[in-house]
Amino acid sequence: MHPFSRQNRPIVLASASPRRQELMRQAGFQFSVRASHVDESFPEDLPVHDVALYLARKKAATFKPLTGDEIIITADTTVVVGNVVLNKAETSKEAKDMLRQLSGSTHKVVTGVCMIDKVLEKSFSEETTVTFEPLTEQEIEYYIETCKPFDKAGAYGIQDWIGHIGISKISGSYYNVVGLPIHRVYRELVDWK
């Protein structure tokens, strides 16, 4: 029996991300998906390392007030280069510009998670440091053409081709870079009171 089963609580993953859904399945959770649609803007003076958690909480607020036994999980992942947040690229040009910034350098990936039920809210963020080898223009163009990374923060997925050939080092959780620090989500759910 899965350790969360004793809770007998329905879980709702408020994310359309197939990567987050797969991580939840791989961790053995049964859940439903109810994507939250929220404007992902944030205050300009917000520290860049707080943006992901701010957006995860903003997404969770769209589900309040809750009345049933559901536990809602929202998340947001940002790529931080220096003091700049790289969001999702909307065009090939934006994706190329982002990947050029990441090429041959180290950046941070921050995932904020907010978990709520009708009484409790648990919020946290995880940070992972990622280093890219220098990428050629041909590699960047090939990746954008074949993987279409427009739904990913920083215009890349660590689990994609570019992660296999371009990422030389990570410090922290790999799954956090995929989009959900599943080890921490698991612990928080199993310990839910």
Protein backbone atom coordinates (compact mmCIF):
# COMPACT_ATOMS: atom_id res chain seq x y z
CA MET A 1 0.00 0.00 0.00
CA HIS A 2 1.32 3.46 -0.94
CA PRO A 3 2.27 5.47 2.20
CA PHE A 4 -0.14 8.28 1.23
CA SER A 5 -3.09 5.85 0.95
CA ARG A 6 -3.78 6.06 4.67
CA GLN A 7 -4.74 9.71 4.17
CA ASN A 8 -7.59 8.72 1.84
CA ARG A 9 -7.60 12.24 0.41
CA PRO A 10 -8.10 13.14 -3.25
CA ILE A 11 -5.16 14.99 -4.82
CA VAL A 12 -5.60 17.56 -7.57
CA LEU A 13 -2.53 18.55 -9.55
CA ALA A 14 -3.30 22.02 -10.86
CA SER A 15 -0.91 21.83 -13.79
CA ALA A 16 -1.23 21.04 -17.48
CA SER A 17 2.48 20.13 -17.55
CA PRO A 18 2.89 16.55 -18.79
CA ARG A 19 6.26 16.45 -16.99
CA ARG A 20 4.75 17.26 -13.59
CA GLN A 21 1.97 14.74 -14.18
CA GLU A 22 4.51 12.04 -15.05
CA LEU A 23 6.57 12.76 -11.92
CA MET A 24 3.45 12.43 -9.74
CA ARG A 25 2.58 9.11 -11.43
CA GLN A 26 6.15 7.84 -11.03
CA ALA A 27 5.96 8.66 -7.31
CA GLY A 28 2.88 6.42 -7.08
CA PHE A 29 0.21 9.08 -6.52
CA GLN A 30 -3.30 8.83 -7.87
CA PHE A 31 -4.57 12.30 -8.74
CA SER A 32 -6.77 14.30 -11.04
CA VAL A 33 -5.66 17.24 -13.14
CA ARG A 34 -7.38 20.61 -13.02
CA ALA A 35 -5.14 23.18 -14.65
CA SER A 36 -5.15 26.67 -13.18
CA HIS A 37 -5.20 29.51 -15.67
CA VAL A 38 -3.72 32.62 -14.13
CA ASP A 39 -1.90 35.67 -15.37
CA GLU A 40 1.75 34.87 -14.64
CA SER A 41 2.82 38.46 -14.04
CA PHE A 42 4.62 39.39 -10.85
CA PRO A 43 5.72 42.63 -9.15
CA GLU A 44 8.87 44.08 -10.73
CA ASP A 45 10.47 44.62 -7.32
CA LEU A 46 9.99 40.98 -6.26
CA PRO A 47 13.38 39.27 -5.70
CA VAL A 48 14.00 36.89 -8.63
CA HIS A 49 14.40 33.84 -6.39
CA ASP A 50 10.89 34.47 -4.95
CA VAL A 51 9.04 34.65 -8.27
CA ALA A 52 8.32 30.90 -8.63
CA LEU A 53 6.81 30.66 -5.14
CA TYR A 54 4.81 33.85 -5.68
CA LEU A 55 3.32 32.40 -8.88
CA ALA A 56 2.58 29.00 -7.28
CA ARG A 57 0.68 30.79 -4.48
CA LYS A 58 -1.12 32.97 -7.03
CA LYS A 59 -2.27 29.82 -8.84
CA ALA A 60 -3.43 28.22 -5.58
CA ALA A 61 -5.47 31.32 -4.68
CA THR A 62 -7.72 30.66 -7.70
CA PHE A 63 -8.99 27.49 -5.95
CA LYS A 64 -9.94 29.17 -2.66
CA PRO A 65 -12.11 28.69 -0.74
CA LEU A 66 -12.03 24.90 -0.72
CA THR A 67 -14.86 22.95 0.87
CA GLY A 68 -14.09 19.27 0.20
CA ASP A 69 -11.25 16.97 1.25
CA GLU A 70 -9.09 17.68 -1.80
CA ILE A 71 -5.46 18.66 -1.57
CA ILE A 72 -4.58 21.04 -4.41
CA ILE A 73 -0.98 21.21 -5.66
CA THR A 74 0.22 24.15 -7.75
CA ALA A 75 3.74 24.79 -8.99
CA ASP A 76 5.78 27.19 -11.06
CA THR A 77 9.34 26.88 -12.32
CA THR A 78 11.62 29.77 -13.21
CA VAL A 79 15.09 29.95 -14.70
CA VAL A 80 17.20 32.68 -13.10
CA VAL A 81 20.28 34.09 -14.81
CA GLY A 82 22.01 36.67 -12.64
CA ASN A 83 19.16 38.96 -11.60
CA VAL A 84 16.85 38.11 -14.52
CA VAL A 85 13.99 35.60 -14.73
CA LEU A 86 13.76 33.74 -18.04
CA ASN A 87 10.12 32.85 -18.61
CA LYS A 88 8.74 30.69 -21.40
CA ALA A 89 9.82 31.66 -24.89
CA GLU A 90 6.98 32.59 -27.22
CA THR A 91 8.98 32.64 -30.46
CA SER A 92 11.99 30.87 -31.94
CA LYS A 93 13.94 34.11 -31.67
CA GLU A 94 13.19 34.39 -27.93
CA ALA A 95 14.16 30.72 -27.44
CA LYS A 96 17.45 31.26 -29.29
CA ASP A 97 18.22 34.36 -27.22
CA MET A 98 17.56 32.46 -23.97
CA LEU A 99 19.66 29.47 -24.98
CA ARG A 100 22.51 31.77 -26.03
CA GLN A 101 22.38 33.30 -22.52
CA LEU A 102 22.51 29.85 -20.91
CA SER A 103 25.28 28.56 -23.20
CA GLY A 104 28.61 28.17 -21.42
CA SER A 105 27.28 29.46 -18.12
CA THR A 106 25.64 28.49 -14.84
CA HIS A 107 22.11 29.44 -13.80
CA LYS A 108 19.54 28.62 -11.13
CA VAL A 109 16.25 26.78 -11.56
CA VAL A 110 13.70 27.57 -8.86
CA THR A 111 10.44 25.68 -8.47
CA GLY A 112 7.82 27.02 -6.10
CA VAL A 113 5.12 24.68 -4.83
CA CYS A 114 1.93 25.51 -2.97
CA MET A 115 -0.23 22.77 -1.46
CA ILE A 116 -3.60 23.63 0.05
CA ASP A 117 -6.70 22.06 1.49
CA LYS A 118 -9.65 23.76 3.18
CA VAL A 119 -7.60 24.36 6.35
CA LEU A 120 -3.88 24.13 5.64
CA GLU A 121 -1.39 25.69 3.24
CA LYS A 122 2.16 24.43 2.75
CA SER A 123 4.43 26.43 0.47
CA PHE A 124 8.09 25.93 -0.34
CA SER A 125 10.63 26.35 -3.10
CA GLU A 126 13.61 24.31 -4.22
CA GLU A 127 16.64 25.62 -6.07
CA THR A 128 18.99 23.72 -8.37
CA THR A 129 22.15 25.04 -10.02
CA VAL A 130 22.63 24.01 -13.67
CA THR A 131 25.74 24.44 -15.83
CA PHE A 132 25.62 24.35 -19.63
CA GLU A 133 28.56 23.61 -21.90
CA PRO A 134 28.99 26.14 -24.71
CA LEU A 135 26.33 25.46 -27.36
CA THR A 136 26.80 26.05 -31.08
CA GLU A 137 24.21 27.93 -33.14
CA GLN A 138 23.54 24.68 -35.01
CA GLU A 139 22.83 22.83 -31.74
CA ILE A 140 20.50 25.60 -30.55
CA GLU A 141 18.62 25.69 -33.86
CA TYR A 142 18.36 21.89 -34.04
CA TYR A 143 16.96 21.75 -30.51
CA ILE A 144 14.34 24.43 -31.13
CA GLU A 145 13.28 22.83 -34.43
CA THR A 146 12.99 19.30 -33.06
CA CYS A 147 11.81 19.83 -29.48
CA LYS A 148 9.76 23.07 -29.70
CA PRO A 149 10.60 24.12 -26.10
CA PHE A 150 8.04 26.94 -25.91
CA ASP A 151 6.26 25.57 -22.82
CA LYS A 152 9.43 25.45 -20.74
CA ALA A 153 11.03 28.08 -18.53
CA GLY A 154 14.33 29.20 -20.04
CA ALA A 155 13.34 27.50 -23.33
CA TYR A 156 14.82 24.13 -22.41
CA GLY A 157 14.00 20.82 -20.78
CA ILE A 158 16.78 19.00 -18.94
CA GLN A 159 15.20 15.70 -20.00
CA ASP A 160 15.33 16.73 -23.70
CA TRP A 161 18.13 16.32 -26.24
CA ILE A 162 19.78 19.58 -25.19
CA GLY A 163 20.00 18.39 -21.59
CA HIS A 164 21.74 15.20 -22.69
CA ILE A 165 24.35 16.96 -24.81
CA GLY A 166 24.64 20.35 -23.15
CA ILE A 167 24.33 20.10 -19.38
CA SER A 168 27.63 19.25 -17.76
CA LYS A 169 26.75 19.71 -14.09
CA ILE A 170 23.82 20.11 -11.73
CA SER A 171 23.80 20.74 -8.02
CA GLY A 172 20.50 19.94 -6.37
CA SER A 173 17.43 18.02 -7.46
CA TYR A 174 17.25 16.89 -11.10
CA TYR A 175 13.45 16.57 -10.79
CA ASN A 176 13.24 20.17 -9.65
CA VAL A 177 14.66 21.17 -13.04
CA VAL A 178 12.14 18.91 -14.78
CA GLY A 179 9.46 20.96 -13.01
CA LEU A 180 8.56 19.46 -9.63
CA PRO A 181 10.75 18.64 -6.61
CA ILE A 182 8.88 15.36 -6.24
CA HIS A 183 10.93 14.17 -3.23
CA ARG A 184 9.69 17.15 -1.21
CA VAL A 185 6.11 16.92 -2.55
CA TYR A 186 6.04 13.25 -1.53
CA ARG A 187 7.22 14.01 2.02
CA GLU A 188 4.76 16.88 2.46
CA LEU A 189 1.83 14.75 1.28
CA VAL A 190 2.76 11.72 3.38
CA ASP A 191 3.09 13.98 6.45
CA TRP A 192 -0.11 15.97 5.70
CA LYS A 193 -2.13 16.55 8.86
